[in-house]
Amino acid sequence: MGSIWTGARFAFGTLLLAVNTILHVPFVMIAALLKALMPWRRARRLWNAVLMAIAASWIGCNTAMLETFTRWRITTSIDANLDSQGHYLVLANHQSWVDIPVLQAIFNRRIPLLRFFLKSQLFWVPLLGLAWWALDFPFMKRYSREQLERRPELAGRDIEATRRACAKFRDLPVSIMNFVEGTRFTPDKHAKQASPFARLLRPKAGGVAFVLDAMGDALHSILDITIVYPNGRPSMADLFADRIDEVRVEVQQYPIPAELRSGDYQNDAAFRERIQAWINALWSTKDRTIAELLSSQQGGT
């Protein structure tokens, strides 16, 4: 009986999220079309604001449904000045796709819409791909080592794509989201990397360096997010089936070091070492934070 109820809950929750998406995406597309037809700065700012309001409504409805139909509880400790008109680089550890609705639940309408760098293949996801494109989510085409060996001219194209994507955000409130590990944590990946951190994969500094270089002074600070699931890493199926009791999240705000705001990550070895050392120090602190959050019986509010 319990498994039947769990299955029904999962199906109903998935249906509600799908309906919410179907209802919001047409409004996103209409606003994006009107924005494209009105290339004047004032008009584009107006339609950008409309697009952000639609996205906030979509996220807000998703969060309200999760809070209504599941028992998940997000316990947060926030040491940051959150501003809906701010300009943030948001860094986080990555354990599960559940991280994304967690982040959206915490930050919706409190900071600008979180924009993720997406693989180019995700553009073809029905409805969502078009919505992400209309909301200026940057799509990145990654090349394997084998592809680069066959076609050396492809080297650097992902960097130029990063620059073009970031250029759109220089004059707008923005939160650029970066899962610095580059992939979700699993014990197998952790072992293969021989990671020096107990509960984290090795951080990748390149993406952070490219964003900081492309955005320059347009980013005002860093929000460092630590996400912990006390009962183990969940899946999206666990979320919809109401198998997540608690999520613990700590938010810290840091200034962007002046010496990291610009530099040639690929060709300047000294700059590369500086930003890698800075990211590793941040990750060492995060590793200790995760241990503290896992050992605590009661988080902040």
C-alpha atoms as a PDB file:
ATOM      1  CA  MET A   1       0.000   0.000   0.000  1.00  0.00           C
ATOM      2  CA  GLY A   2       2.851   2.356   0.885  1.00  0.00           C
ATOM      3  CA  SER A   3       4.549   1.874  -2.490  1.00  0.00           C
ATOM      4  CA  ILE A   4       1.261   2.567  -4.303  1.00  0.00           C
ATOM      5  CA  TRP A   5       0.793   5.802  -2.354  1.00  0.00           C
ATOM      6  CA  THR A   6       4.395   6.827  -3.066  1.00  0.00           C
ATOM      7  CA  GLY A   7       3.930   6.124  -6.771  1.00  0.00           C
ATOM      8  CA  ALA A   8       0.700   8.101  -6.870  1.00  0.00           C
ATOM      9  CA  ARG A   9       2.340  11.020  -5.055  1.00  0.00           C
ATOM     10  CA  PHE A  10       5.255  10.944  -7.504  1.00  0.00           C
ATOM     11  CA  ALA A  11       2.934  10.911 -10.533  1.00  0.00           C
ATOM     12  CA  PHE A  12       0.734  13.703  -9.167  1.00  0.00           C
ATOM     13  CA  GLY A  13       3.686  15.909  -8.237  1.00  0.00           C
ATOM     14  CA  THR A  14       5.299  15.421 -11.638  1.00  0.00           C
ATOM     15  CA  LEU A  15       1.994  16.250 -13.350  1.00  0.00           C
ATOM     16  CA  LEU A  16       1.595  19.482 -11.372  1.00  0.00           C
ATOM     17  CA  LEU A  17       5.122  20.623 -12.220  1.00  0.00           C
ATOM     18  CA  ALA A  18       4.536  19.813 -15.887  1.00  0.00           C
ATOM     19  CA  VAL A  19       1.258  21.769 -15.924  1.00  0.00           C
ATOM     20  CA  ASN A  20       2.952  24.724 -14.234  1.00  0.00           C
ATOM     21  CA  THR A  21       5.652  24.692 -16.904  1.00  0.00           C
ATOM     22  CA  ILE A  22       3.133  24.431 -19.746  1.00  0.00           C
ATOM     23  CA  LEU A  23       1.207  27.415 -18.348  1.00  0.00           C
ATOM     24  CA  HIS A  24       4.265  29.661 -17.916  1.00  0.00           C
ATOM     25  CA  VAL A  25       6.397  28.902 -20.985  1.00  0.00           C
ATOM     26  CA  PRO A  26       4.022  30.533 -23.552  1.00  0.00           C
ATOM     27  CA  PHE A  27       4.188  33.805 -21.609  1.00  0.00           C
ATOM     28  CA  VAL A  28       7.981  33.559 -21.573  1.00  0.00           C
ATOM     29  CA  MET A  29       8.046  33.079 -25.338  1.00  0.00           C
ATOM     30  CA  ILE A  30       5.661  35.985 -26.015  1.00  0.00           C
ATOM     31  CA  ALA A  31       7.722  38.330 -23.838  1.00  0.00           C
ATOM     32  CA  ALA A  32      10.955  37.147 -25.491  1.00  0.00           C
ATOM     33  CA  LEU A  33       9.481  37.768 -28.949  1.00  0.00           C
ATOM     34  CA  LEU A  34       8.367  41.291 -28.013  1.00  0.00           C
ATOM     35  CA  LYS A  35      11.826  41.947 -26.564  1.00  0.00           C
ATOM     36  CA  ALA A  36      13.421  40.850 -29.844  1.00  0.00           C
ATOM     37  CA  LEU A  37      11.081  43.084 -31.844  1.00  0.00           C
ATOM     38  CA  MET A  38      11.905  46.137 -29.719  1.00  0.00           C
ATOM     39  CA  PRO A  39      15.709  46.504 -29.771  1.00  0.00           C
ATOM     40  CA  TRP A  40      15.723  49.839 -27.922  1.00  0.00           C
ATOM     41  CA  ARG A  41      17.452  49.881 -24.550  1.00  0.00           C
ATOM     42  CA  ARG A  42      14.447  51.082 -22.534  1.00  0.00           C
ATOM     43  CA  ALA A  43      12.105  48.557 -24.179  1.00  0.00           C
ATOM     44  CA  ARG A  44      14.557  45.712 -23.680  1.00  0.00           C
ATOM     45  CA  ARG A  45      14.872  46.603 -20.001  1.00  0.00           C
ATOM     46  CA  LEU A  46      11.085  46.548 -19.689  1.00  0.00           C
ATOM     47  CA  TRP A  47      10.763  43.140 -21.316  1.00  0.00           C
ATOM     48  CA  ASN A  48      13.695  41.785 -19.324  1.00  0.00           C
ATOM     49  CA  ALA A  49      11.804  42.767 -16.159  1.00  0.00           C
ATOM     50  CA  VAL A  50       8.666  41.054 -17.490  1.00  0.00           C
ATOM     51  CA  LEU A  51      10.632  37.895 -18.281  1.00  0.00           C
ATOM     52  CA  MET A  52      12.150  37.850 -14.803  1.00  0.00           C
ATOM     53  CA  ALA A  53       8.694  38.272 -13.235  1.00  0.00           C
ATOM     54  CA  ILE A  54       7.346  35.320 -15.239  1.00  0.00           C
ATOM     55  CA  ALA A  55      10.344  33.176 -14.262  1.00  0.00           C
ATOM     56  CA  ALA A  56       9.902  34.123 -10.587  1.00  0.00           C
ATOM     57  CA  SER A  57       6.226  33.165 -10.780  1.00  0.00           C
ATOM     58  CA  TRP A  58       7.093  29.810 -12.366  1.00  0.00           C
ATOM     59  CA  ILE A  59       9.700  29.056  -9.676  1.00  0.00           C
ATOM     60  CA  GLY A  60       7.414  30.309  -6.910  1.00  0.00           C
ATOM     61  CA  CYS A  61       4.605  27.998  -8.013  1.00  0.00           C
ATOM     62  CA  ASN A  62       6.988  25.028  -8.211  1.00  0.00           C
ATOM     63  CA  THR A  63       8.276  25.748  -4.702  1.00  0.00           C
ATOM     64  CA  ALA A  64       4.758  26.178  -3.304  1.00  0.00           C
ATOM     65  CA  MET A  65       3.726  22.817  -4.749  1.00  0.00           C
ATOM     66  CA  LEU A  66       6.777  21.091  -3.265  1.00  0.00           C
ATOM     67  CA  GLU A  67       6.076  22.650   0.128  1.00  0.00           C
ATOM     68  CA  THR A  68       2.430  21.564  -0.077  1.00  0.00           C
ATOM     69  CA  PHE A  69       2.874  17.994  -1.260  1.00  0.00           C
ATOM     70  CA  THR A  70       6.158  17.030   0.393  1.00  0.00           C
ATOM     71  CA  ARG A  71       7.610  17.237   3.890  1.00  0.00           C
ATOM     72  CA  TRP A  72      10.990  18.603   2.837  1.00  0.00           C
ATOM     73  CA  ARG A  73      12.366  21.297   5.120  1.00  0.00           C
ATOM     74  CA  ILE A  74      15.200  23.590   4.050  1.00  0.00           C
ATOM     75  CA  THR A  75      17.179  24.814   7.047  1.00  0.00           C
ATOM     76  CA  THR A  76      19.278  27.829   6.072  1.00  0.00           C
ATOM     77  CA  SER A  77      22.031  29.913   7.599  1.00  0.00           C
ATOM     78  CA  ILE A  78      22.566  33.062   5.538  1.00  0.00           C
ATOM     79  CA  ASP A  79      25.434  35.449   6.202  1.00  0.00           C
ATOM     80  CA  ALA A  80      24.909  37.658   3.154  1.00  0.00           C
ATOM     81  CA  ASN A  81      23.278  40.853   1.983  1.00  0.00           C
ATOM     82  CA  LEU A  82      20.798  39.555  -0.589  1.00  0.00           C
ATOM     83  CA  ASP A  83      19.540  42.041  -3.179  1.00  0.00           C
ATOM     84  CA  SER A  84      17.116  41.342  -6.022  1.00  0.00           C
ATOM     85  CA  GLN A  85      19.012  43.944  -8.067  1.00  0.00           C
ATOM     86  CA  GLY A  86      22.452  42.567  -7.181  1.00  0.00           C
ATOM     87  CA  HIS A  87      25.253  41.208  -9.348  1.00  0.00           C
ATOM     88  CA  TYR A  88      26.525  37.876  -8.004  1.00  0.00           C
ATOM     89  CA  LEU A  89      28.726  34.971  -8.923  1.00  0.00           C
ATOM     90  CA  VAL A  90      27.115  32.026  -7.118  1.00  0.00           C
ATOM     91  CA  LEU A  91      29.313  29.014  -6.324  1.00  0.00           C
ATOM     92  CA  ALA A  92      28.056  25.749  -4.836  1.00  0.00           C
ATOM     93  CA  ASN A  93      28.899  22.116  -4.284  1.00  0.00           C
ATOM     94  CA  HIS A  94      26.849  19.729  -6.394  1.00  0.00           C
ATOM     95  CA  GLN A  95      25.386  16.448  -5.158  1.00  0.00           C
ATOM     96  CA  SER A  96      22.043  15.994  -6.881  1.00  0.00           C
ATOM     97  CA  TRP A  97      19.634  17.560  -9.370  1.00  0.00           C
ATOM     98  CA  VAL A  98      17.628  18.369  -6.228  1.00  0.00           C
ATOM     99  CA  ASP A  99      20.236  21.103  -5.628  1.00  0.00           C
ATOM    100  CA  ILE A 100      18.507  23.235  -8.265  1.00  0.00           C
ATOM    101  CA  PRO A 101      14.993  23.398  -6.740  1.00  0.00           C
ATOM    102  CA  VAL A 102      16.672  23.904  -3.352  1.00  0.00           C
ATOM    103  CA  LEU A 103      18.610  26.919  -4.638  1.00  0.00           C
ATOM    104  CA  GLN A 104      15.542  28.291  -6.403  1.00  0.00           C
ATOM    105  CA  ALA A 105      13.424  27.941  -3.261  1.00  0.00           C
ATOM    106  CA  ILE A 106      15.989  29.862  -1.187  1.00  0.00           C
ATOM    107  CA  PHE A 107      16.820  32.661  -3.616  1.00  0.00           C
ATOM    108  CA  ASN A 108      13.686  33.259  -5.695  1.00  0.00           C
ATOM    109  CA  ARG A 109      12.910  37.001  -5.680  1.00  0.00           C
ATOM    110  CA  ARG A 110      15.759  37.579  -3.191  1.00  0.00           C
ATOM    111  CA  ILE A 111      18.505  37.771  -5.810  1.00  0.00           C
ATOM    112  CA  PRO A 112      18.303  37.940  -9.628  1.00  0.00           C
ATOM    113  CA  LEU A 113      17.281  34.784 -11.467  1.00  0.00           C
ATOM    114  CA  LEU A 114      19.948  32.093 -11.175  1.00  0.00           C
ATOM    115  CA  ARG A 115      21.368  31.443 -14.627  1.00  0.00           C
ATOM    116  CA  PHE A 116      23.261  28.225 -15.231  1.00  0.00           C
ATOM    117  CA  PHE A 117      25.686  27.375 -18.007  1.00  0.00           C
ATOM    118  CA  LEU A 118      23.871  24.606 -19.877  1.00  0.00           C
ATOM    119  CA  LYS A 119      25.107  21.964 -22.266  1.00  0.00           C
ATOM    120  CA  SER A 120      24.065  22.843 -25.817  1.00  0.00           C
ATOM    121  CA  GLN A 121      22.082  19.584 -26.112  1.00  0.00           C
ATOM    122  CA  LEU A 122      19.651  20.839 -23.437  1.00  0.00           C
ATOM    123  CA  PHE A 123      18.294  23.403 -25.889  1.00  0.00           C
ATOM    124  CA  TRP A 124      16.247  20.538 -27.374  1.00  0.00           C
ATOM    125  CA  VAL A 125      14.478  19.659 -24.115  1.00  0.00           C
ATOM    126  CA  PRO A 126      10.765  20.168 -24.891  1.00  0.00           C
ATOM    127  CA  LEU A 127       9.457  23.561 -23.663  1.00  0.00           C
ATOM    128  CA  LEU A 128      12.246  24.029 -21.130  1.00  0.00           C
ATOM    129  CA  GLY A 129      14.944  24.409 -23.772  1.00  0.00           C
ATOM    130  CA  LEU A 130      13.091  27.296 -25.400  1.00  0.00           C
ATOM    131  CA  ALA A 131      12.351  28.838 -22.004  1.00  0.00           C
ATOM    132  CA  TRP A 132      16.027  28.711 -21.011  1.00  0.00           C
ATOM    133  CA  TRP A 133      16.996  30.284 -24.334  1.00  0.00           C
ATOM    134  CA  ALA A 134      14.396  33.054 -23.949  1.00  0.00           C
ATOM    135  CA  LEU A 135      15.667  33.771 -20.422  1.00  0.00           C
ATOM    136  CA  ASP A 136      19.238  34.164 -21.736  1.00  0.00           C
ATOM    137  CA  PHE A 137      20.639  31.047 -20.107  1.00  0.00           C
ATOM    138  CA  PRO A 138      24.044  30.534 -21.740  1.00  0.00           C
ATOM    139  CA  PHE A 139      24.353  27.342 -23.783  1.00  0.00           C
ATOM    140  CA  MET A 140      27.853  25.879 -24.007  1.00  0.00           C
ATOM    141  CA  LYS A 141      29.179  23.352 -26.495  1.00  0.00           C
ATOM    142  CA  ARG A 142      31.875  21.247 -24.871  1.00  0.00           C
ATOM    143  CA  TYR A 143      34.475  19.452 -26.954  1.00  0.00           C
ATOM    144  CA  SER A 144      36.156  16.215 -25.954  1.00  0.00           C
ATOM    145  CA  ARG A 145      39.908  15.755 -26.093  1.00  0.00           C
ATOM    146  CA  GLU A 146      39.432  13.479 -29.118  1.00  0.00           C
ATOM    147  CA  GLN A 147      37.406  16.155 -30.961  1.00  0.00           C
ATOM    148  CA  LEU A 148      40.066  18.784 -30.254  1.00  0.00           C
ATOM    149  CA  GLU A 149      42.802  16.474 -31.483  1.00  0.00           C
ATOM    150  CA  ARG A 150      40.917  15.931 -34.739  1.00  0.00           C
ATOM    151  CA  ARG A 151      39.941  19.608 -35.112  1.00  0.00           C
ATOM    152  CA  PRO A 152      42.363  21.916 -33.253  1.00  0.00           C
ATOM    153  CA  GLU A 153      40.484  24.975 -34.540  1.00  0.00           C
ATOM    154  CA  LEU A 154      37.700  24.188 -32.044  1.00  0.00           C
ATOM    155  CA  ALA A 155      40.003  25.016 -29.117  1.00  0.00           C
ATOM    156  CA  GLY A 156      38.896  28.184 -27.360  1.00  0.00           C
ATOM    157  CA  ARG A 157      35.381  28.277 -28.790  1.00  0.00           C
ATOM    158  CA  ASP A 158      33.832  27.446 -25.424  1.00  0.00           C
ATOM    159  CA  ILE A 159      35.757  30.349 -23.887  1.00  0.00           C
ATOM    160  CA  GLU A 160      34.477  32.750 -26.540  1.00  0.00           C
ATOM    161  CA  ALA A 161      30.945  31.448 -25.953  1.00  0.00           C
ATOM    162  CA  THR A 162      31.385  32.229 -22.247  1.00  0.00           C
ATOM    163  CA  ARG A 163      32.468  35.769 -23.088  1.00  0.00           C
ATOM    164  CA  ARG A 164      29.502  36.344 -25.402  1.00  0.00           C
ATOM    165  CA  ALA A 165      27.046  34.990 -22.836  1.00  0.00           C
ATOM    166  CA  CYS A 166      28.463  37.108 -20.025  1.00  0.00           C
ATOM    167  CA  ALA A 167      28.472  40.250 -22.174  1.00  0.00           C
ATOM    168  CA  LYS A 168      24.653  40.212 -22.132  1.00  0.00           C
ATOM    169  CA  PHE A 169      24.639  40.524 -18.339  1.00  0.00           C
ATOM    170  CA  ARG A 170      27.034  43.410 -17.819  1.00  0.00           C
ATOM    171  CA  ASP A 171      24.242  45.999 -17.540  1.00  0.00           C
ATOM    172  CA  LEU A 172      21.617  43.807 -15.864  1.00  0.00           C
ATOM    173  CA  PRO A 173      21.086  42.440 -12.349  1.00  0.00           C
ATOM    174  CA  VAL A 174      22.440  38.919 -12.580  1.00  0.00           C
ATOM    175  CA  SER A 175      23.271  35.781 -10.606  1.00  0.00           C
ATOM    176  CA  ILE A 176      25.633  33.533 -12.560  1.00  0.00           C
ATOM    177  CA  MET A 177      25.535  30.033 -11.116  1.00  0.00           C
ATOM    178  CA  ASN A 178      28.568  27.756 -11.232  1.00  0.00           C
ATOM    179  CA  PHE A 179      28.774  24.242  -9.805  1.00  0.00           C
ATOM    180  CA  VAL A 180      32.546  24.409  -9.480  1.00  0.00           C
ATOM    181  CA  GLU A 181      33.097  20.648  -9.317  1.00  0.00           C
ATOM    182  CA  GLY A 182      31.688  20.376 -12.833  1.00  0.00           C
ATOM    183  CA  THR A 183      29.638  17.279 -12.064  1.00  0.00           C
ATOM    184  CA  ARG A 184      27.573  15.747  -9.291  1.00  0.00           C
ATOM    185  CA  PHE A 185      29.435  14.158  -6.396  1.00  0.00           C
ATOM    186  CA  THR A 186      29.526  10.377  -6.172  1.00  0.00           C
ATOM    187  CA  PRO A 187      31.875   8.177  -4.117  1.00  0.00           C
ATOM    188  CA  ASP A 188      33.151   6.620  -7.352  1.00  0.00           C
ATOM    189  CA  LYS A 189      34.091   9.991  -8.875  1.00  0.00           C
ATOM    190  CA  HIS A 190      35.634  11.046  -5.573  1.00  0.00           C
ATOM    191  CA  ALA A 191      37.839   7.950  -5.519  1.00  0.00           C
ATOM    192  CA  LYS A 192      38.874   8.228  -9.182  1.00  0.00           C
ATOM    193  CA  GLN A 193      39.917  11.849  -8.668  1.00  0.00           C
ATOM    194  CA  ALA A 194      41.837  11.054  -5.476  1.00  0.00           C
ATOM    195  CA  SER A 195      40.222  14.237  -4.188  1.00  0.00           C
ATOM    196  CA  PRO A 196      42.026  15.830  -1.240  1.00  0.00           C
ATOM    197  CA  PHE A 197      38.659  16.821   0.226  1.00  0.00           C
ATOM    198  CA  ALA A 198      36.666  14.424   2.365  1.00  0.00           C
ATOM    199  CA  ARG A 199      33.209  15.248   0.947  1.00  0.00           C
ATOM    200  CA  LEU A 200      33.892  17.211  -2.231  1.00  0.00           C
ATOM    201  CA  LEU A 201      35.284  16.643  -5.698  1.00  0.00           C
ATOM    202  CA  ARG A 202      38.208  18.689  -6.923  1.00  0.00           C
ATOM    203  CA  PRO A 203      37.041  22.203  -7.912  1.00  0.00           C
ATOM    204  CA  LYS A 204      37.602  23.453 -11.462  1.00  0.00           C
ATOM    205  CA  ALA A 205      38.873  27.022 -11.488  1.00  0.00           C
ATOM    206  CA  GLY A 206      38.712  27.609 -15.254  1.00  0.00           C
ATOM    207  CA  GLY A 207      35.003  28.392 -15.488  1.00  0.00           C
ATOM    208  CA  VAL A 208      35.178  30.818 -12.573  1.00  0.00           C
ATOM    209  CA  ALA A 209      38.209  32.546 -14.107  1.00  0.00           C
ATOM    210  CA  PHE A 210      36.509  32.963 -17.475  1.00  0.00           C
ATOM    211  CA  VAL A 211      33.349  34.446 -15.929  1.00  0.00           C
ATOM    212  CA  LEU A 212      35.321  36.880 -13.765  1.00  0.00           C
ATOM    213  CA  ASP A 213      37.423  37.955 -16.741  1.00  0.00           C
ATOM    214  CA  ALA A 214      34.387  38.400 -19.000  1.00  0.00           C
ATOM    215  CA  MET A 215      32.287  40.269 -16.435  1.00  0.00           C
ATOM    216  CA  GLY A 216      35.020  42.450 -14.906  1.00  0.00           C
ATOM    217  CA  ASP A 217      33.570  44.910 -12.401  1.00  0.00           C
ATOM    218  CA  ALA A 218      29.984  44.004 -13.371  1.00  0.00           C
ATOM    219  CA  LEU A 219      29.978  41.338 -10.633  1.00  0.00           C
ATOM    220  CA  HIS A 220      29.953  42.777  -7.122  1.00  0.00           C
ATOM    221  CA  SER A 221      30.420  39.747  -4.859  1.00  0.00           C
ATOM    222  CA  ILE A 222      30.443  35.982  -4.514  1.00  0.00           C
ATOM    223  CA  LEU A 223      27.749  33.915  -2.826  1.00  0.00           C
ATOM    224  CA  ASP A 224      29.277  30.663  -1.632  1.00  0.00           C
ATOM    225  CA  ILE A 225      26.598  27.989  -1.089  1.00  0.00           C
ATOM    226  CA  THR A 226      27.091  24.765   0.849  1.00  0.00           C
ATOM    227  CA  ILE A 227      24.303  22.180   0.465  1.00  0.00           C
ATOM    228  CA  VAL A 228      23.986  19.138   2.728  1.00  0.00           C
ATOM    229  CA  TYR A 229      21.471  16.278   2.773  1.00  0.00           C
ATOM    230  CA  PRO A 230      21.738  14.713   6.250  1.00  0.00           C
ATOM    231  CA  ASN A 231      20.028  11.490   5.134  1.00  0.00           C
ATOM    232  CA  GLY A 232      22.141  10.977   2.025  1.00  0.00           C
ATOM    233  CA  ARG A 233      22.226  12.285  -1.547  1.00  0.00           C
ATOM    234  CA  PRO A 234      18.680  12.185  -2.964  1.00  0.00           C
ATOM    235  CA  SER A 235      17.386  11.893  -6.505  1.00  0.00           C
ATOM    236  CA  MET A 236      14.587  13.898  -8.090  1.00  0.00           C
ATOM    237  CA  ALA A 237      12.440  10.779  -7.686  1.00  0.00           C
ATOM    238  CA  ASP A 238      13.093  10.951  -3.937  1.00  0.00           C
ATOM    239  CA  LEU A 239      11.934  14.572  -3.934  1.00  0.00           C
ATOM    240  CA  PHE A 240       8.686  13.917  -5.787  1.00  0.00           C
ATOM    241  CA  ALA A 241       8.023  10.770  -3.762  1.00  0.00           C
ATOM    242  CA  ASP A 242       8.449  12.713  -0.473  1.00  0.00           C
ATOM    243  CA  ARG A 243      11.540  10.871   0.698  1.00  0.00           C
ATOM    244  CA  ILE A 244      13.538  13.991   1.675  1.00  0.00           C
ATOM    245  CA  ASP A 245      13.045  15.239   5.223  1.00  0.00           C
ATOM    246  CA  GLU A 246      15.669  17.953   5.580  1.00  0.00           C
ATOM    247  CA  VAL A 247      18.135  19.951   3.535  1.00  0.00           C
ATOM    248  CA  ARG A 248      20.739  22.111   5.273  1.00  0.00           C
ATOM    249  CA  VAL A 249      22.200  25.095   3.449  1.00  0.00           C
ATOM    250  CA  GLU A 250      24.779  27.672   4.464  1.00  0.00           C
ATOM    251  CA  VAL A 251      25.262  30.902   2.469  1.00  0.00           C
ATOM    252  CA  GLN A 252      28.364  33.050   2.805  1.00  0.00           C
ATOM    253  CA  GLN A 253      29.090  36.258   0.912  1.00  0.00           C
ATOM    254  CA  TYR A 254      32.636  37.199  -0.064  1.00  0.00           C
ATOM    255  CA  PRO A 255      34.157  40.108  -1.974  1.00  0.00           C
ATOM    256  CA  ILE A 256      35.794  39.241  -5.282  1.00  0.00           C
ATOM    257  CA  PRO A 257      39.570  39.530  -4.834  1.00  0.00           C
ATOM    258  CA  ALA A 258      40.861  42.354  -7.039  1.00  0.00           C
ATOM    259  CA  GLU A 259      43.733  40.212  -8.328  1.00  0.00           C
ATOM    260  CA  LEU A 260      41.258  37.628  -9.671  1.00  0.00           C
ATOM    261  CA  ARG A 261      38.955  39.972 -11.584  1.00  0.00           C
ATOM    262  CA  SER A 262      40.861  39.620 -14.814  1.00  0.00           C
ATOM    263  CA  GLY A 263      43.619  37.449 -16.171  1.00  0.00           C
ATOM    264  CA  ASP A 264      44.561  34.990 -18.888  1.00  0.00           C
ATOM    265  CA  TYR A 265      43.791  31.644 -17.279  1.00  0.00           C
ATOM    266  CA  GLN A 266      45.032  29.637 -20.234  1.00  0.00           C
ATOM    267  CA  ASN A 267      48.338  31.357 -20.871  1.00  0.00           C
ATOM    268  CA  ASP A 268      49.332  33.064 -17.601  1.00  0.00           C
ATOM    269  CA  ALA A 269      50.673  30.377 -15.251  1.00  0.00           C
ATOM    270  CA  ALA A 270      50.974  32.749 -12.293  1.00  0.00           C
ATOM    271  CA  PHE A 271      47.337  33.876 -12.622  1.00  0.00           C
ATOM    272  CA  ARG A 272      46.212  30.258 -13.008  1.00  0.00           C
ATOM    273  CA  GLU A 273      48.013  29.287  -9.814  1.00  0.00           C
ATOM    274  CA  ARG A 274      46.486  32.222  -7.889  1.00  0.00           C
ATOM    275  CA  ILE A 275      42.911  31.425  -8.807  1.00  0.00           C
ATOM    276  CA  GLN A 276      43.404  27.683  -8.281  1.00  0.00           C
ATOM    277  CA  ALA A 277      44.857  28.348  -4.815  1.00  0.00           C
ATOM    278  CA  TRP A 278      41.925  30.645  -3.992  1.00  0.00           C
ATOM    279  CA  ILE A 279      39.337  28.059  -5.126  1.00  0.00           C
ATOM    280  CA  ASN A 280      41.100  25.274  -3.223  1.00  0.00           C
ATOM    281  CA  ALA A 281      41.120  27.376  -0.033  1.00  0.00           C
ATOM    282  CA  LEU A 282      37.391  28.050  -0.501  1.00  0.00           C
ATOM    283  CA  TRP A 283      36.779  24.330  -0.977  1.00  0.00           C
ATOM    284  CA  SER A 284      38.784  23.450   2.147  1.00  0.00           C
ATOM    285  CA  THR A 285      36.516  25.745   4.148  1.00  0.00           C
ATOM    286  CA  LYS A 286      33.451  24.226   2.486  1.00  0.00           C
ATOM    287  CA  ASP A 287      34.636  20.716   3.351  1.00  0.00           C
ATOM    288  CA  ARG A 288      34.773  21.690   7.031  1.00  0.00           C
ATOM    289  CA  THR A 289      31.384  23.405   6.756  1.00  0.00           C
ATOM    290  CA  ILE A 290      29.812  20.227   5.383  1.00  0.00           C
ATOM    291  CA  ALA A 291      31.191  18.238   8.318  1.00  0.00           C
ATOM    292  CA  GLU A 292      29.748  20.789  10.758  1.00  0.00           C
ATOM    293  CA  LEU A 293      26.345  20.801   9.048  1.00  0.00           C
ATOM    294  CA  LEU A 294      26.196  17.013   9.068  1.00  0.00           C
ATOM    295  CA  SER A 295      27.086  16.851  12.771  1.00  0.00           C
ATOM    296  CA  SER A 296      24.687  19.585  13.880  1.00  0.00           C
ATOM    297  CA  GLN A 297      21.313  18.536  15.252  1.00  0.00           C
ATOM    298  CA  GLN A 298      19.634  21.809  14.454  1.00  0.00           C
ATOM    299  CA  GLY A 299      20.632  24.342  11.794  1.00  0.00           C
ATOM    300  CA  GLY A 300      19.882  28.027  11.547  1.00  0.00           C
ATOM    301  CA  THR A 301      16.642  29.523  10.307  1.00  0.00           C
END
